[in-house]
Amino acid sequence: MIMEEISAGQLAGAVFYRVYDLLKSTYLHSPKGRKRIQYMKEQGQELSALDQLELGPVRTLLHGAISVNGSKIALGQSLRTCYNR
């Protein structure tokens, strides 16, 4: 039973990072994300690759909250499957 719980936790972590990456990538490639990067460049800021991937605090927290909920759903489904055997 412990192995199933460990694998369920790994699944939840994988879901969290996948959902977060999807949300972040979608935003950065959207017109609004591109406009934000262009605005930062126009302000005279030299942007490194990491700066261009920065979302800002509000969007980071929002994407994190959505990702956590997705991973909780995946974990719940996984554990329910383990205990219903």
N, C-alpha and C. Protein backbone atom coordinates (compact mmCIF):
# COMPACT_ATOMS: atom_id res chain seq x y z
N MET A 1 0.82 -1.19 0.00
CA MET A 1 0.00 0.00 0.00
C MET A 1 0.86 1.26 0.00
N ILE A 2 2.01 1.20 0.67
CA ILE A 2 2.87 2.39 0.74
C ILE A 2 3.42 2.76 -0.63
N MET A 3 3.72 1.76 -1.45
CA MET A 3 4.26 2.04 -2.78
C MET A 3 3.23 2.76 -3.65
N GLU A 4 1.97 2.39 -3.51
CA GLU A 4 0.92 3.06 -4.27
C GLU A 4 0.80 4.52 -3.86
N GLU A 5 0.95 4.78 -2.55
CA GLU A 5 0.87 6.16 -2.06
C GLU A 5 2.05 6.98 -2.55
N ILE A 6 3.22 6.37 -2.59
CA ILE A 6 4.41 7.08 -3.09
C ILE A 6 4.24 7.41 -4.57
N SER A 7 3.77 6.43 -5.34
CA SER A 7 3.59 6.69 -6.78
C SER A 7 2.49 7.71 -7.02
N ALA A 8 1.47 7.72 -6.14
CA ALA A 8 0.40 8.72 -6.27
C ALA A 8 0.97 10.12 -6.02
N GLY A 9 1.87 10.24 -5.04
CA GLY A 9 2.50 11.53 -4.76
C GLY A 9 3.36 12.00 -5.92
N GLN A 10 4.05 11.07 -6.55
CA GLN A 10 4.87 11.42 -7.72
C GLN A 10 3.98 11.87 -8.86
N LEU A 11 2.86 11.23 -9.04
CA LEU A 11 1.91 11.62 -10.08
C LEU A 11 1.41 13.04 -9.82
N ALA A 12 1.09 13.34 -8.57
CA ALA A 12 0.60 14.68 -8.23
C ALA A 12 1.66 15.73 -8.54
N GLY A 13 2.91 15.44 -8.23
CA GLY A 13 3.99 16.39 -8.54
C GLY A 13 4.15 16.59 -10.03
N ALA A 14 4.06 15.51 -10.78
CA ALA A 14 4.19 15.61 -12.24
C ALA A 14 3.04 16.42 -12.82
N VAL A 15 1.84 16.21 -12.31
CA VAL A 15 0.69 16.97 -12.80
C VAL A 15 0.86 18.45 -12.47
N PHE A 16 1.34 18.75 -11.26
CA PHE A 16 1.54 20.15 -10.87
C PHE A 16 2.47 20.85 -11.86
N TYR A 17 3.63 20.28 -12.10
CA TYR A 17 4.61 20.93 -12.97
C TYR A 17 4.13 20.99 -14.42
N ARG A 18 3.43 19.98 -14.87
CA ARG A 18 2.93 19.98 -16.25
C ARG A 18 1.87 21.07 -16.44
N VAL A 19 0.94 21.16 -15.50
CA VAL A 19 -0.11 22.19 -15.61
C VAL A 19 0.51 23.58 -15.52
N TYR A 20 1.45 23.77 -14.58
CA TYR A 20 2.10 25.07 -14.43
C TYR A 20 2.84 25.46 -15.71
N ASP A 21 3.59 24.51 -16.28
CA ASP A 21 4.32 24.80 -17.51
C ASP A 21 3.39 25.13 -18.67
N LEU A 22 2.27 24.42 -18.76
CA LEU A 22 1.30 24.71 -19.83
C LEU A 22 0.73 26.12 -19.68
N LEU A 23 0.35 26.47 -18.46
CA LEU A 23 -0.21 27.81 -18.23
C LEU A 23 0.82 28.90 -18.53
N LYS A 24 2.05 28.70 -18.07
CA LYS A 24 3.11 29.68 -18.28
C LYS A 24 3.43 29.84 -19.76
N SER A 25 3.58 28.73 -20.45
CA SER A 25 3.90 28.77 -21.87
C SER A 25 2.78 29.44 -22.67
N THR A 26 1.55 29.10 -22.34
CA THR A 26 0.41 29.70 -23.04
C THR A 26 0.39 31.21 -22.85
N TYR A 27 0.65 31.66 -21.62
CA TYR A 27 0.66 33.10 -21.38
C TYR A 27 1.80 33.79 -22.12
N LEU A 28 3.01 33.22 -22.04
CA LEU A 28 4.17 33.87 -22.66
C LEU A 28 4.06 33.95 -24.18
N HIS A 29 3.30 33.04 -24.77
CA HIS A 29 3.13 33.06 -26.22
C HIS A 29 1.85 33.78 -26.66
N SER A 30 1.09 34.25 -25.69
CA SER A 30 -0.14 34.98 -26.02
C SER A 30 0.22 36.42 -26.41
N PRO A 31 -0.69 37.12 -27.07
CA PRO A 31 -0.43 38.53 -27.40
C PRO A 31 -0.14 39.38 -26.16
N LYS A 32 -0.82 39.10 -25.06
CA LYS A 32 -0.60 39.88 -23.84
C LYS A 32 0.80 39.62 -23.27
N GLY A 33 1.25 38.37 -23.30
CA GLY A 33 2.59 38.04 -22.82
C GLY A 33 3.67 38.66 -23.68
N ARG A 34 3.48 38.60 -24.97
CA ARG A 34 4.46 39.21 -25.89
C ARG A 34 4.49 40.73 -25.73
N LYS A 35 3.32 41.29 -25.51
CA LYS A 35 3.24 42.74 -25.32
C LYS A 35 3.98 43.15 -24.04
N ARG A 36 3.88 42.35 -23.00
CA ARG A 36 4.57 42.63 -21.74
C ARG A 36 6.08 42.60 -21.94
N ILE A 37 6.58 41.61 -22.65
CA ILE A 37 8.01 41.51 -22.91
C ILE A 37 8.48 42.70 -23.75
N GLN A 38 7.69 43.06 -24.76
CA GLN A 38 8.04 44.21 -25.60
C GLN A 38 8.07 45.50 -24.78
N TYR A 39 7.10 45.65 -23.88
CA TYR A 39 7.06 46.84 -23.02
C TYR A 39 8.31 46.91 -22.14
N MET A 40 8.72 45.76 -21.59
CA MET A 40 9.92 45.75 -20.74
C MET A 40 11.15 46.13 -21.55
N LYS A 41 11.21 45.69 -22.80
CA LYS A 41 12.35 46.04 -23.65
C LYS A 41 12.35 47.53 -23.97
N GLU A 42 11.17 48.10 -24.20
CA GLU A 42 11.06 49.52 -24.52
C GLU A 42 11.45 50.41 -23.34
N GLN A 43 11.31 49.89 -22.13
CA GLN A 43 11.68 50.65 -20.93
C GLN A 43 13.19 50.70 -20.73
N GLY A 44 13.92 50.07 -21.65
CA GLY A 44 15.37 50.12 -21.58
C GLY A 44 15.97 49.02 -20.73
N GLN A 45 15.15 48.08 -20.32
CA GLN A 45 15.66 46.97 -19.52
C GLN A 45 16.27 45.93 -20.45
N GLU A 46 17.49 45.55 -20.14
CA GLU A 46 18.09 44.46 -20.90
C GLU A 46 17.58 43.16 -20.29
N LEU A 47 16.95 42.34 -21.09
CA LEU A 47 16.30 41.14 -20.59
C LEU A 47 17.13 39.90 -20.86
N SER A 48 17.43 39.18 -19.81
CA SER A 48 18.08 37.88 -19.98
C SER A 48 17.00 36.86 -20.33
N ALA A 49 17.41 35.66 -20.64
CA ALA A 49 16.45 34.60 -20.96
C ALA A 49 15.54 34.34 -19.76
N LEU A 50 16.10 34.38 -18.56
CA LEU A 50 15.28 34.16 -17.36
C LEU A 50 14.29 35.29 -17.14
N ASP A 51 14.71 36.52 -17.41
CA ASP A 51 13.79 37.65 -17.26
C ASP A 51 12.60 37.53 -18.20
N GLN A 52 12.83 37.01 -19.38
CA GLN A 52 11.76 36.88 -20.35
C GLN A 52 10.76 35.80 -19.94
N LEU A 53 11.19 34.88 -19.08
CA LEU A 53 10.29 33.83 -18.61
C LEU A 53 9.56 34.22 -17.33
N GLU A 54 9.89 35.37 -16.77
CA GLU A 54 9.28 35.83 -15.53
C GLU A 54 7.82 36.20 -15.77
N LEU A 55 6.94 35.77 -14.87
CA LEU A 55 5.51 36.04 -15.02
C LEU A 55 5.03 37.20 -14.17
N GLY A 56 5.73 37.52 -13.13
CA GLY A 56 5.24 38.51 -12.18
C GLY A 56 4.56 37.79 -11.02
N PRO A 57 4.46 38.45 -9.86
CA PRO A 57 3.98 37.77 -8.66
C PRO A 57 2.52 37.31 -8.72
N VAL A 58 1.64 38.13 -9.24
CA VAL A 58 0.21 37.77 -9.25
C VAL A 58 -0.04 36.58 -10.17
N ARG A 59 0.51 36.63 -11.37
CA ARG A 59 0.31 35.54 -12.33
C ARG A 59 0.99 34.25 -11.84
N THR A 60 2.15 34.38 -11.18
CA THR A 60 2.83 33.21 -10.63
C THR A 60 1.96 32.54 -9.57
N LEU A 61 1.38 33.34 -8.67
CA LEU A 61 0.52 32.79 -7.63
C LEU A 61 -0.75 32.17 -8.22
N LEU A 62 -1.32 32.82 -9.21
CA LEU A 62 -2.53 32.30 -9.85
C LEU A 62 -2.25 30.97 -10.54
N HIS A 63 -1.18 30.90 -11.31
CA HIS A 63 -0.83 29.65 -11.99
C HIS A 63 -0.50 28.56 -10.98
N GLY A 64 0.16 28.93 -9.89
CA GLY A 64 0.47 27.96 -8.85
C GLY A 64 -0.78 27.40 -8.20
N ALA A 65 -1.75 28.28 -7.92
CA ALA A 65 -3.00 27.83 -7.30
C ALA A 65 -3.77 26.88 -8.21
N ILE A 66 -3.83 27.20 -9.48
CA ILE A 66 -4.52 26.33 -10.43
C ILE A 66 -3.80 24.98 -10.52
N SER A 67 -2.48 25.01 -10.55
CA SER A 67 -1.70 23.78 -10.66
C SER A 67 -1.84 22.91 -9.42
N VAL A 68 -1.86 23.53 -8.24
CA VAL A 68 -2.04 22.77 -7.00
C VAL A 68 -3.39 22.06 -7.01
N ASN A 69 -4.42 22.75 -7.45
CA ASN A 69 -5.73 22.11 -7.48
C ASN A 69 -5.76 20.95 -8.46
N GLY A 70 -5.10 21.11 -9.58
CA GLY A 70 -5.03 20.00 -10.53
C GLY A 70 -4.29 18.81 -9.96
N SER A 71 -3.21 19.06 -9.23
CA SER A 71 -2.46 17.95 -8.65
C SER A 71 -3.23 17.30 -7.50
N LYS A 72 -4.01 18.08 -6.76
CA LYS A 72 -4.84 17.50 -5.70
C LYS A 72 -5.90 16.57 -6.29
N ILE A 73 -6.47 16.97 -7.40
CA ILE A 73 -7.47 16.12 -8.06
C ILE A 73 -6.81 14.82 -8.52
N ALA A 74 -5.63 14.93 -9.13
CA ALA A 74 -4.92 13.73 -9.59
C ALA A 74 -4.56 12.83 -8.42
N LEU A 75 -4.10 13.42 -7.32
CA LEU A 75 -3.73 12.64 -6.14
C LEU A 75 -4.96 11.96 -5.55
N GLY A 76 -6.05 12.67 -5.46
CA GLY A 76 -7.29 12.09 -4.92
C GLY A 76 -7.76 10.92 -5.76
N GLN A 77 -7.74 11.08 -7.07
CA GLN A 77 -8.16 10.00 -7.96
C GLN A 77 -7.24 8.80 -7.82
N SER A 78 -5.95 9.06 -7.71
CA SER A 78 -4.97 7.99 -7.61
C SER A 78 -5.13 7.22 -6.30
N LEU A 79 -5.29 7.94 -5.19
CA LEU A 79 -5.46 7.28 -3.90
C LEU A 79 -6.79 6.55 -3.81
N ARG A 80 -7.82 7.11 -4.41
CA ARG A 80 -9.13 6.45 -4.41
C ARG A 80 -9.02 5.11 -5.14
N THR A 81 -8.28 5.10 -6.24
CA THR A 81 -8.08 3.87 -6.98
C THR A 81 -7.32 2.85 -6.15
N CYS A 82 -6.31 3.31 -5.40
CA CYS A 82 -5.51 2.40 -4.56
C CYS A 82 -6.34 1.76 -3.46
N TYR A 83 -7.17 2.57 -2.80
CA TYR A 83 -7.92 2.07 -1.65
C TYR A 83 -9.19 1.33 -2.03
N ASN A 84 -9.63 1.43 -3.26
CA ASN A 84 -10.84 0.72 -3.70
C ASN A 84 -10.55 -0.66 -4.26
N ARG A 85 -9.32 -1.08 -4.21
CA ARG A 85 -8.96 -2.40 -4.74
C ARG A 85 -9.41 -3.49 -3.82
